[in-house]
Amino acid sequence: MQDCLTIEQVQDPEVKSRIASEVLLDLPDWFGLPESTKAFIEESKSLPLWVARIGREVVGFITLRESSPETGEIHCMGVKKAYHRRGIGTRLYLALEEYARKRYNYLYVKTVEEGRLLRPVVKSAIRAG
């Protein structure tokens, strides 16, 4: 029997750090800059974080940062490569969005253009409240 996907919010800072590290280190094509990856892992300790698990295995996570009293930002998100294209990222996003709707008027995500790692662009902005 296949274990089902669960999404839960994590409170313990050290557990958050381990989850972020495990997932980001599995994604060198996206998180290949060691200093940047280290910063994401360290910052995850103090941010709201949701983990995706299949059985007991960590397969992904998402973190939320407040950019202003009215606005939340998807700080970091990753799903292990072996689990891509299964809707796990969508489920993580929906859990984060449910939480954000109670706190913010807006929710957005920044990403980088391919080949331009230091130039963030807003990919989408949605009204959360």
N, C-alpha and C. Protein backbone atom coordinates (compact mmCIF):
# COMPACT_ATOMS: atom_id res chain seq x y z
N MET A 1 0.85 -1.19 0.00
CA MET A 1 0.00 0.00 0.00
C MET A 1 0.88 1.24 0.00
N GLN A 2 0.58 2.19 -0.88
CA GLN A 2 1.35 3.42 -0.97
C GLN A 2 0.95 4.37 0.15
N ASP A 3 1.96 4.95 0.81
CA ASP A 3 1.68 5.95 1.85
C ASP A 3 1.13 7.21 1.20
N CYS A 4 0.24 7.89 1.89
CA CYS A 4 -0.33 9.10 1.32
C CYS A 4 0.46 10.33 1.74
N LEU A 5 0.30 11.36 0.96
CA LEU A 5 0.98 12.62 1.18
C LEU A 5 0.32 13.35 2.34
N THR A 6 1.16 13.86 3.25
CA THR A 6 0.67 14.71 4.33
C THR A 6 1.42 16.02 4.29
N ILE A 7 0.72 17.09 4.66
CA ILE A 7 1.30 18.43 4.76
C ILE A 7 1.04 18.89 6.18
N GLU A 8 2.10 19.35 6.86
CA GLU A 8 1.90 19.87 8.20
C GLU A 8 2.87 21.02 8.46
N GLN A 9 2.44 21.93 9.33
CA GLN A 9 3.30 23.03 9.73
C GLN A 9 4.25 22.53 10.81
N VAL A 10 5.50 22.96 10.72
CA VAL A 10 6.55 22.55 11.66
C VAL A 10 6.91 23.74 12.53
N GLN A 11 7.09 23.51 13.83
CA GLN A 11 7.40 24.59 14.76
C GLN A 11 8.87 24.60 15.20
N ASP A 12 9.47 23.45 15.36
CA ASP A 12 10.82 23.35 15.91
C ASP A 12 11.86 23.88 14.92
N PRO A 13 12.64 24.90 15.32
CA PRO A 13 13.63 25.51 14.41
C PRO A 13 14.67 24.53 13.87
N GLU A 14 15.13 23.61 14.70
CA GLU A 14 16.14 22.66 14.22
C GLU A 14 15.55 21.66 13.22
N VAL A 15 14.32 21.26 13.45
CA VAL A 15 13.65 20.36 12.50
C VAL A 15 13.43 21.10 11.18
N LYS A 16 13.03 22.37 11.25
CA LYS A 16 12.86 23.17 10.03
C LYS A 16 14.16 23.21 9.24
N SER A 17 15.26 23.46 9.92
CA SER A 17 16.56 23.54 9.27
C SER A 17 16.93 22.22 8.60
N ARG A 18 16.69 21.11 9.27
CA ARG A 18 17.01 19.80 8.69
C ARG A 18 16.16 19.52 7.45
N ILE A 19 14.88 19.89 7.52
CA ILE A 19 13.99 19.68 6.37
C ILE A 19 14.46 20.50 5.19
N ALA A 20 14.71 21.79 5.40
CA ALA A 20 15.16 22.66 4.31
C ALA A 20 16.46 22.16 3.72
N SER A 21 17.39 21.76 4.56
CA SER A 21 18.68 21.26 4.09
C SER A 21 18.51 20.01 3.23
N GLU A 22 17.73 19.06 3.72
CA GLU A 22 17.54 17.80 3.00
C GLU A 22 16.95 18.04 1.61
N VAL A 23 15.97 18.91 1.53
CA VAL A 23 15.31 19.14 0.24
C VAL A 23 16.18 19.98 -0.69
N LEU A 24 16.74 21.08 -0.19
CA LEU A 24 17.51 21.97 -1.06
C LEU A 24 18.78 21.31 -1.59
N LEU A 25 19.40 20.47 -0.78
CA LEU A 25 20.60 19.78 -1.25
C LEU A 25 20.28 18.73 -2.30
N ASP A 26 19.02 18.35 -2.42
CA ASP A 26 18.58 17.44 -3.47
C ASP A 26 18.30 18.17 -4.79
N LEU A 27 18.40 19.49 -4.78
CA LEU A 27 18.04 20.30 -5.95
C LEU A 27 19.20 21.20 -6.40
N PRO A 28 20.36 20.64 -6.73
CA PRO A 28 21.50 21.48 -7.08
C PRO A 28 21.30 22.31 -8.35
N ASP A 29 20.43 21.87 -9.25
CA ASP A 29 20.18 22.66 -10.47
C ASP A 29 19.46 23.97 -10.15
N TRP A 30 18.69 24.00 -9.06
CA TRP A 30 17.94 25.20 -8.68
C TRP A 30 18.61 25.94 -7.54
N PHE A 31 19.23 25.20 -6.64
CA PHE A 31 19.86 25.80 -5.46
C PHE A 31 21.33 25.43 -5.45
N GLY A 32 22.05 25.86 -6.46
CA GLY A 32 23.43 25.47 -6.64
C GLY A 32 24.46 26.42 -6.08
N LEU A 33 24.03 27.54 -5.53
CA LEU A 33 24.97 28.50 -4.94
C LEU A 33 25.05 28.23 -3.44
N PRO A 34 26.16 27.71 -2.96
CA PRO A 34 26.25 27.30 -1.56
C PRO A 34 25.89 28.39 -0.55
N GLU A 35 26.32 29.62 -0.79
CA GLU A 35 26.02 30.70 0.16
C GLU A 35 24.53 30.98 0.22
N SER A 36 23.90 30.99 -0.94
CA SER A 36 22.46 31.24 -1.02
C SER A 36 21.68 30.10 -0.37
N THR A 37 22.07 28.87 -0.66
CA THR A 37 21.40 27.71 -0.08
C THR A 37 21.54 27.73 1.43
N LYS A 38 22.72 28.02 1.92
CA LYS A 38 22.96 28.10 3.36
C LYS A 38 22.07 29.16 4.00
N ALA A 39 21.91 30.30 3.32
CA ALA A 39 21.05 31.37 3.84
C ALA A 39 19.59 30.91 3.91
N PHE A 40 19.09 30.25 2.86
CA PHE A 40 17.72 29.74 2.88
C PHE A 40 17.51 28.78 4.05
N ILE A 41 18.49 27.89 4.27
CA ILE A 41 18.38 26.91 5.35
C ILE A 41 18.36 27.61 6.71
N GLU A 42 19.26 28.55 6.90
CA GLU A 42 19.33 29.27 8.18
C GLU A 42 18.06 30.09 8.42
N GLU A 43 17.59 30.80 7.40
CA GLU A 43 16.40 31.64 7.53
C GLU A 43 15.15 30.80 7.80
N SER A 44 15.12 29.57 7.32
CA SER A 44 13.94 28.72 7.51
C SER A 44 13.64 28.46 8.98
N LYS A 45 14.65 28.55 9.83
CA LYS A 45 14.47 28.28 11.26
C LYS A 45 13.46 29.22 11.91
N SER A 46 13.41 30.46 11.45
CA SER A 46 12.57 31.46 12.11
C SER A 46 11.30 31.79 11.33
N LEU A 47 11.03 31.09 10.25
CA LEU A 47 9.86 31.38 9.42
C LEU A 47 8.82 30.27 9.53
N PRO A 48 7.55 30.61 9.28
CA PRO A 48 6.55 29.55 9.17
C PRO A 48 6.97 28.58 8.05
N LEU A 49 6.95 27.30 8.33
CA LEU A 49 7.37 26.28 7.37
C LEU A 49 6.38 25.13 7.38
N TRP A 50 6.04 24.66 6.20
CA TRP A 50 5.20 23.48 6.02
C TRP A 50 6.03 22.42 5.33
N VAL A 51 5.88 21.19 5.78
CA VAL A 51 6.61 20.07 5.20
C VAL A 51 5.63 19.12 4.52
N ALA A 52 6.07 18.55 3.41
CA ALA A 52 5.31 17.49 2.73
C ALA A 52 6.05 16.19 2.98
N ARG A 53 5.29 15.19 3.40
CA ARG A 53 5.86 13.87 3.65
C ARG A 53 5.02 12.81 2.94
N ILE A 54 5.71 11.81 2.46
CA ILE A 54 5.05 10.59 2.00
C ILE A 54 5.52 9.52 2.96
N GLY A 55 4.59 9.05 3.77
CA GLY A 55 4.99 8.19 4.88
C GLY A 55 5.82 9.02 5.83
N ARG A 56 7.02 8.56 6.14
CA ARG A 56 7.91 9.30 7.03
C ARG A 56 8.96 10.11 6.26
N GLU A 57 8.98 9.94 4.93
CA GLU A 57 10.00 10.62 4.12
C GLU A 57 9.61 12.07 3.82
N VAL A 58 10.54 12.97 4.07
CA VAL A 58 10.37 14.38 3.69
C VAL A 58 10.54 14.46 2.19
N VAL A 59 9.55 15.06 1.50
CA VAL A 59 9.64 15.19 0.04
C VAL A 59 9.61 16.64 -0.42
N GLY A 60 9.25 17.58 0.48
CA GLY A 60 9.22 18.98 0.08
C GLY A 60 8.90 19.89 1.25
N PHE A 61 9.06 21.19 1.02
CA PHE A 61 8.72 22.19 2.04
C PHE A 61 8.45 23.53 1.37
N ILE A 62 7.86 24.43 2.15
CA ILE A 62 7.63 25.81 1.72
C ILE A 62 7.72 26.70 2.95
N THR A 63 8.29 27.91 2.77
CA THR A 63 8.39 28.86 3.88
C THR A 63 7.76 30.19 3.48
N LEU A 64 7.31 30.92 4.50
CA LEU A 64 6.63 32.20 4.32
C LEU A 64 7.36 33.28 5.11
N ARG A 65 7.56 34.42 4.47
CA ARG A 65 8.18 35.57 5.14
C ARG A 65 7.24 36.76 5.01
N GLU A 66 7.16 37.56 6.07
CA GLU A 66 6.37 38.79 6.03
C GLU A 66 7.23 39.89 5.44
N SER A 67 6.78 40.50 4.34
CA SER A 67 7.55 41.60 3.75
C SER A 67 7.01 42.95 4.19
N SER A 68 5.77 42.98 4.66
CA SER A 68 5.16 44.16 5.26
C SER A 68 3.97 43.66 6.07
N PRO A 69 3.38 44.52 6.91
CA PRO A 69 2.24 44.05 7.71
C PRO A 69 1.06 43.54 6.86
N GLU A 70 0.99 43.97 5.60
CA GLU A 70 -0.11 43.53 4.73
C GLU A 70 0.28 42.47 3.72
N THR A 71 1.58 42.14 3.65
CA THR A 71 2.05 41.32 2.54
C THR A 71 2.95 40.19 3.00
N GLY A 72 2.64 38.99 2.52
CA GLY A 72 3.48 37.82 2.75
C GLY A 72 4.20 37.44 1.47
N GLU A 73 5.37 36.87 1.63
CA GLU A 73 6.17 36.43 0.49
C GLU A 73 6.50 34.96 0.64
N ILE A 74 6.33 34.20 -0.43
CA ILE A 74 6.80 32.84 -0.43
C ILE A 74 8.32 32.93 -0.47
N HIS A 75 8.93 32.62 0.64
CA HIS A 75 10.37 32.79 0.83
C HIS A 75 11.17 31.73 0.07
N CYS A 76 10.77 30.47 0.23
CA CYS A 76 11.48 29.37 -0.42
C CYS A 76 10.54 28.18 -0.53
N MET A 77 10.73 27.43 -1.60
CA MET A 77 9.91 26.23 -1.79
C MET A 77 10.74 25.23 -2.56
N GLY A 78 10.66 23.98 -2.17
CA GLY A 78 11.36 22.94 -2.90
C GLY A 78 10.68 21.61 -2.73
N VAL A 79 10.72 20.82 -3.79
CA VAL A 79 10.23 19.44 -3.77
C VAL A 79 11.35 18.59 -4.36
N LYS A 80 11.69 17.52 -3.65
CA LYS A 80 12.77 16.66 -4.15
C LYS A 80 12.50 16.24 -5.59
N LYS A 81 13.57 16.17 -6.35
CA LYS A 81 13.46 15.92 -7.79
C LYS A 81 12.67 14.65 -8.12
N ALA A 82 12.86 13.62 -7.35
CA ALA A 82 12.15 12.35 -7.63
C ALA A 82 10.64 12.47 -7.45
N TYR A 83 10.19 13.57 -6.85
CA TYR A 83 8.75 13.73 -6.57
C TYR A 83 8.13 14.88 -7.36
N HIS A 84 8.84 15.40 -8.33
CA HIS A 84 8.28 16.46 -9.16
C HIS A 84 7.10 15.94 -9.99
N ARG A 85 6.24 16.88 -10.38
CA ARG A 85 5.08 16.61 -11.26
C ARG A 85 4.04 15.70 -10.63
N ARG A 86 3.91 15.79 -9.29
CA ARG A 86 2.91 14.97 -8.58
C ARG A 86 1.93 15.84 -7.80
N GLY A 87 2.01 17.15 -7.97
CA GLY A 87 1.09 18.04 -7.27
C GLY A 87 1.51 18.39 -5.85
N ILE A 88 2.71 18.00 -5.46
CA ILE A 88 3.17 18.25 -4.09
C ILE A 88 3.39 19.74 -3.87
N GLY A 89 4.00 20.43 -4.83
CA GLY A 89 4.20 21.87 -4.71
C GLY A 89 2.88 22.61 -4.59
N THR A 90 1.90 22.19 -5.35
CA THR A 90 0.57 22.81 -5.28
C THR A 90 -0.03 22.63 -3.89
N ARG A 91 0.08 21.43 -3.35
CA ARG A 91 -0.47 21.16 -2.01
C ARG A 91 0.25 22.00 -0.94
N LEU A 92 1.57 22.13 -1.06
CA LEU A 92 2.31 22.97 -0.13
C LEU A 92 1.85 24.42 -0.23
N TYR A 93 1.72 24.91 -1.46
CA TYR A 93 1.27 26.28 -1.66
C TYR A 93 -0.12 26.50 -1.05
N LEU A 94 -1.03 25.59 -1.26
CA LEU A 94 -2.38 25.75 -0.74
C LEU A 94 -2.40 25.81 0.79
N ALA A 95 -1.54 25.02 1.44
CA ALA A 95 -1.46 25.06 2.91
C ALA A 95 -0.94 26.43 3.36
N LEU A 96 0.10 26.92 2.70
CA LEU A 96 0.64 28.24 3.03
C LEU A 96 -0.39 29.33 2.76
N GLU A 97 -1.08 29.25 1.63
CA GLU A 97 -2.07 30.26 1.28
C GLU A 97 -3.20 30.32 2.31
N GLU A 98 -3.66 29.18 2.79
CA GLU A 98 -4.71 29.16 3.81
C GLU A 98 -4.27 29.93 5.05
N TYR A 99 -3.05 29.73 5.48
CA TYR A 99 -2.48 30.44 6.62
C TYR A 99 -2.36 31.94 6.31
N ALA A 100 -1.84 32.27 5.14
CA ALA A 100 -1.61 33.67 4.75
C ALA A 100 -2.91 34.46 4.62
N ARG A 101 -3.97 33.84 4.16
CA ARG A 101 -5.26 34.53 4.00
C ARG A 101 -5.75 35.13 5.32
N LYS A 102 -5.38 34.53 6.43
CA LYS A 102 -5.83 35.02 7.73
C LYS A 102 -4.97 36.17 8.24
N ARG A 103 -3.84 36.43 7.57
CA ARG A 103 -2.89 37.41 8.08
C ARG A 103 -2.56 38.56 7.12
N TYR A 104 -2.66 38.32 5.83
CA TYR A 104 -2.19 39.30 4.85
C TYR A 104 -3.25 39.62 3.81
N ASN A 105 -3.10 40.80 3.22
CA ASN A 105 -3.95 41.17 2.08
C ASN A 105 -3.37 40.67 0.77
N TYR A 106 -2.05 40.50 0.72
CA TYR A 106 -1.38 40.10 -0.51
C TYR A 106 -0.37 39.00 -0.21
N LEU A 107 -0.14 38.17 -1.22
CA LEU A 107 0.84 37.11 -1.15
C LEU A 107 1.54 37.06 -2.50
N TYR A 108 2.88 37.03 -2.49
CA TYR A 108 3.61 36.99 -3.76
C TYR A 108 4.81 36.07 -3.66
N VAL A 109 5.38 35.79 -4.81
CA VAL A 109 6.59 34.98 -4.90
C VAL A 109 7.55 35.66 -5.87
N LYS A 110 8.82 35.65 -5.52
CA LYS A 110 9.87 36.12 -6.43
C LYS A 110 10.63 34.90 -6.91
N THR A 111 11.12 34.98 -8.12
CA THR A 111 11.95 33.90 -8.65
C THR A 111 13.06 34.54 -9.46
N VAL A 112 13.89 33.74 -10.05
CA VAL A 112 14.99 34.27 -10.85
C VAL A 112 14.82 33.84 -12.29
N GLU A 113 15.29 34.69 -13.18
CA GLU A 113 15.27 34.34 -14.58
C GLU A 113 16.37 33.32 -14.84
N GLU A 114 16.11 32.38 -15.73
CA GLU A 114 17.12 31.39 -16.05
C GLU A 114 18.37 32.09 -16.55
N GLY A 115 19.49 31.74 -15.95
CA GLY A 115 20.75 32.33 -16.35
C GLY A 115 21.05 33.66 -15.69
N ARG A 116 20.14 34.18 -14.90
CA ARG A 116 20.34 35.45 -14.22
C ARG A 116 20.00 35.27 -12.74
N LEU A 117 20.87 34.61 -12.03
CA LEU A 117 20.58 34.20 -10.67
C LEU A 117 20.43 35.35 -9.69
N LEU A 118 20.96 36.51 -10.02
CA LEU A 118 20.92 37.61 -9.06
C LEU A 118 19.86 38.66 -9.39
N ARG A 119 19.02 38.39 -10.34
CA ARG A 119 17.99 39.36 -10.74
C ARG A 119 16.59 38.82 -10.46
N PRO A 120 16.06 39.10 -9.26
CA PRO A 120 14.73 38.56 -8.96
C PRO A 120 13.63 39.28 -9.73
N VAL A 121 12.60 38.54 -10.06
CA VAL A 121 11.43 39.09 -10.72
C VAL A 121 10.18 38.58 -10.02
N VAL A 122 9.18 39.43 -9.89
CA VAL A 122 7.92 38.96 -9.33
C VAL A 122 7.22 38.15 -10.42
N LYS A 123 6.96 36.88 -10.13
CA LYS A 123 6.31 36.01 -11.09
C LYS A 123 4.80 36.11 -11.02
N SER A 124 4.28 36.28 -9.81
CA SER A 124 2.84 36.41 -9.68
C SER A 124 2.52 37.12 -8.37
N ALA A 125 1.43 37.77 -8.35
CA ALA A 125 0.95 38.41 -7.13
C ALA A 125 -0.54 38.13 -7.04
N ILE A 126 -1.00 37.71 -5.89
CA ILE A 126 -2.42 37.43 -5.72
C ILE A 126 -2.94 38.13 -4.47
N ARG A 127 -4.18 38.42 -4.48
CA ARG A 127 -4.83 38.97 -3.28
C ARG A 127 -5.17 37.79 -2.39
N ALA A 128 -4.66 37.84 -1.17
CA ALA A 128 -4.87 36.72 -0.25
C ALA A 128 -6.05 36.92 0.67
N GLY A 129 -6.51 38.11 0.85
CA GLY A 129 -7.58 38.34 1.82
C GLY A 129 -8.89 38.67 1.22
